[in-house]
Amino acid sequence: MADDPNLDPFELEFLPRFRSGSGPREPFVNQHGVLIGDHSYASPESPLEQWSADTDPAIMAGDEWVHPYKDIGFLTGENRAYFEQGTEIPPGPLAHPEHSSESGIEPPEEDA
């Protein structure tokens, strides 16, 4: 069965504390009519499938776009360690592997 939650490659073996009260394990349709958590991670109704220069990225912000058990981001080493083993994620700046994610504000120059 395509929607069997046991088949999803992006679902982790969550610790018990992350399983209760998290939300549905099965796919759901959000308020925009987009199916979330359906194993294909693409929906014709999704703004990602109809993206243009006029699309406001904020349309896809919020919890309604994230499945509580099935998310590609869960597969990072830090997230796996956190959700499966309880290892704390060290605080620090977010880093993109190819682009600077700094705010663009340069530190003040020191007087010589």
Protein backbone atom coordinates (compact mmCIF):
# COMPACT_ATOMS: atom_id res chain seq x y z
CA MET A 1 0.00 0.00 0.00
CA ALA A 2 1.56 3.32 -1.10
CA ASP A 3 0.42 5.25 1.98
CA ASP A 4 1.61 2.72 4.57
CA PRO A 5 3.61 4.85 7.05
CA ASN A 6 6.00 1.94 7.58
CA LEU A 7 7.22 2.30 3.99
CA ASP A 8 8.30 5.95 4.13
CA PRO A 9 12.07 6.35 3.69
CA PHE A 10 12.00 9.73 5.47
CA GLU A 11 10.44 8.47 8.70
CA LEU A 12 12.75 7.98 11.65
CA GLU A 13 12.66 5.61 14.60
CA PHE A 14 11.56 8.40 16.95
CA LEU A 15 12.17 8.18 20.67
CA PRO A 16 8.90 7.74 22.61
CA ARG A 17 8.94 11.38 23.78
CA PHE A 18 8.71 12.55 20.15
CA ARG A 19 5.88 10.19 19.18
CA SER A 20 3.03 11.37 21.41
CA GLY A 21 1.02 14.45 20.47
CA SER A 22 3.02 15.10 17.31
CA GLY A 23 0.18 14.80 14.82
CA PRO A 24 -1.02 12.26 12.29
CA ARG A 25 1.22 9.48 11.00
CA GLU A 26 -0.87 9.15 7.83
CA PRO A 27 -0.83 11.71 4.99
CA PHE A 28 -3.12 14.72 5.40
CA VAL A 29 -4.45 17.53 3.21
CA ASN A 30 -3.56 21.00 4.47
CA GLN A 31 -5.78 24.09 4.22
CA HIS A 32 -4.42 24.81 0.72
CA GLY A 33 -5.52 21.43 -0.61
CA VAL A 34 -2.00 20.02 -0.76
CA LEU A 35 -1.38 16.42 0.32
CA ILE A 36 1.42 16.31 2.91
CA GLY A 37 3.30 13.08 3.74
CA ASP A 38 2.25 11.05 0.69
CA HIS A 39 5.64 9.44 -0.11
CA SER A 40 6.00 11.30 -3.42
CA TYR A 41 6.58 14.75 -1.90
CA ALA A 42 4.98 16.45 -4.89
CA SER A 43 1.42 17.58 -5.33
CA PRO A 44 -0.08 19.32 -8.38
CA GLU A 45 -1.74 21.81 -5.99
CA SER A 46 1.56 22.74 -4.31
CA PRO A 47 3.04 26.18 -4.91
CA LEU A 48 6.34 24.38 -5.55
CA GLU A 49 4.82 22.79 -8.64
CA GLN A 50 3.51 26.16 -9.88
CA TRP A 51 6.39 28.40 -8.83
CA SER A 52 6.99 31.67 -10.68
CA ALA A 53 8.71 35.01 -10.10
CA ASP A 54 5.38 36.23 -8.67
CA THR A 55 5.12 33.50 -6.00
CA ASP A 56 5.61 34.76 -2.45
CA PRO A 57 7.75 32.15 -0.62
CA ALA A 58 5.88 32.95 2.62
CA ILE A 59 2.89 31.03 1.22
CA MET A 60 4.72 27.84 2.22
CA ALA A 61 5.67 28.90 5.74
CA GLY A 62 4.20 27.21 8.79
CA ASP A 63 3.56 23.82 10.32
CA GLU A 64 0.81 22.97 7.84
CA TRP A 65 3.54 22.27 5.25
CA VAL A 66 5.51 19.84 7.42
CA HIS A 67 4.52 16.28 8.20
CA PRO A 68 5.30 15.45 11.85
CA TYR A 69 6.72 12.01 10.99
CA LYS A 70 7.82 12.19 7.36
CA ASP A 71 10.19 14.94 6.32
CA ILE A 72 13.32 14.92 4.17
CA GLY A 73 15.09 17.11 6.75
CA PHE A 74 14.88 14.33 9.32
CA LEU A 75 17.64 12.46 7.48
CA THR A 76 20.43 14.89 8.39
CA GLY A 77 22.89 13.44 10.87
CA GLU A 78 22.05 16.04 13.52
CA ASN A 79 18.29 15.47 13.22
CA ARG A 80 18.62 11.68 13.28
CA ALA A 81 20.78 11.88 16.40
CA TYR A 82 18.32 14.26 18.07
CA PHE A 83 15.08 12.39 17.30
CA GLU A 84 16.41 8.82 17.53
CA GLN A 85 19.02 9.09 20.30
CA GLY A 86 18.15 12.32 22.13
CA THR A 87 21.50 13.97 21.33
CA GLU A 88 21.23 17.74 21.69
CA ILE A 89 21.93 19.80 18.57
CA PRO A 90 24.66 22.31 19.39
CA PRO A 91 23.61 25.95 18.98
CA GLY A 92 25.24 27.84 16.19
CA PRO A 93 24.63 29.73 12.99
CA LEU A 94 22.69 28.05 10.22
CA ALA A 95 24.95 27.28 7.30
CA HIS A 96 24.14 26.66 3.66
CA PRO A 97 26.63 24.38 1.89
CA GLU A 98 27.04 26.74 -1.09
CA HIS A 99 25.81 30.23 -0.14
CA SER A 100 26.46 32.60 2.72
CA SER A 101 23.53 32.72 5.11
CA GLU A 102 24.84 35.69 7.06
CA SER A 103 22.64 38.74 7.43
CA GLY A 104 24.81 40.85 5.13
CA ILE A 105 25.87 43.17 7.91
CA GLU A 106 29.60 43.44 8.03
CA PRO A 107 31.34 43.65 11.41
CA PRO A 108 32.79 47.09 12.24
CA GLU A 109 36.30 47.64 11.00
CA GLU A 110 38.92 47.88 13.71
CA ASP A 111 41.02 51.04 13.88
CA ALA A 112 44.61 50.40 12.94
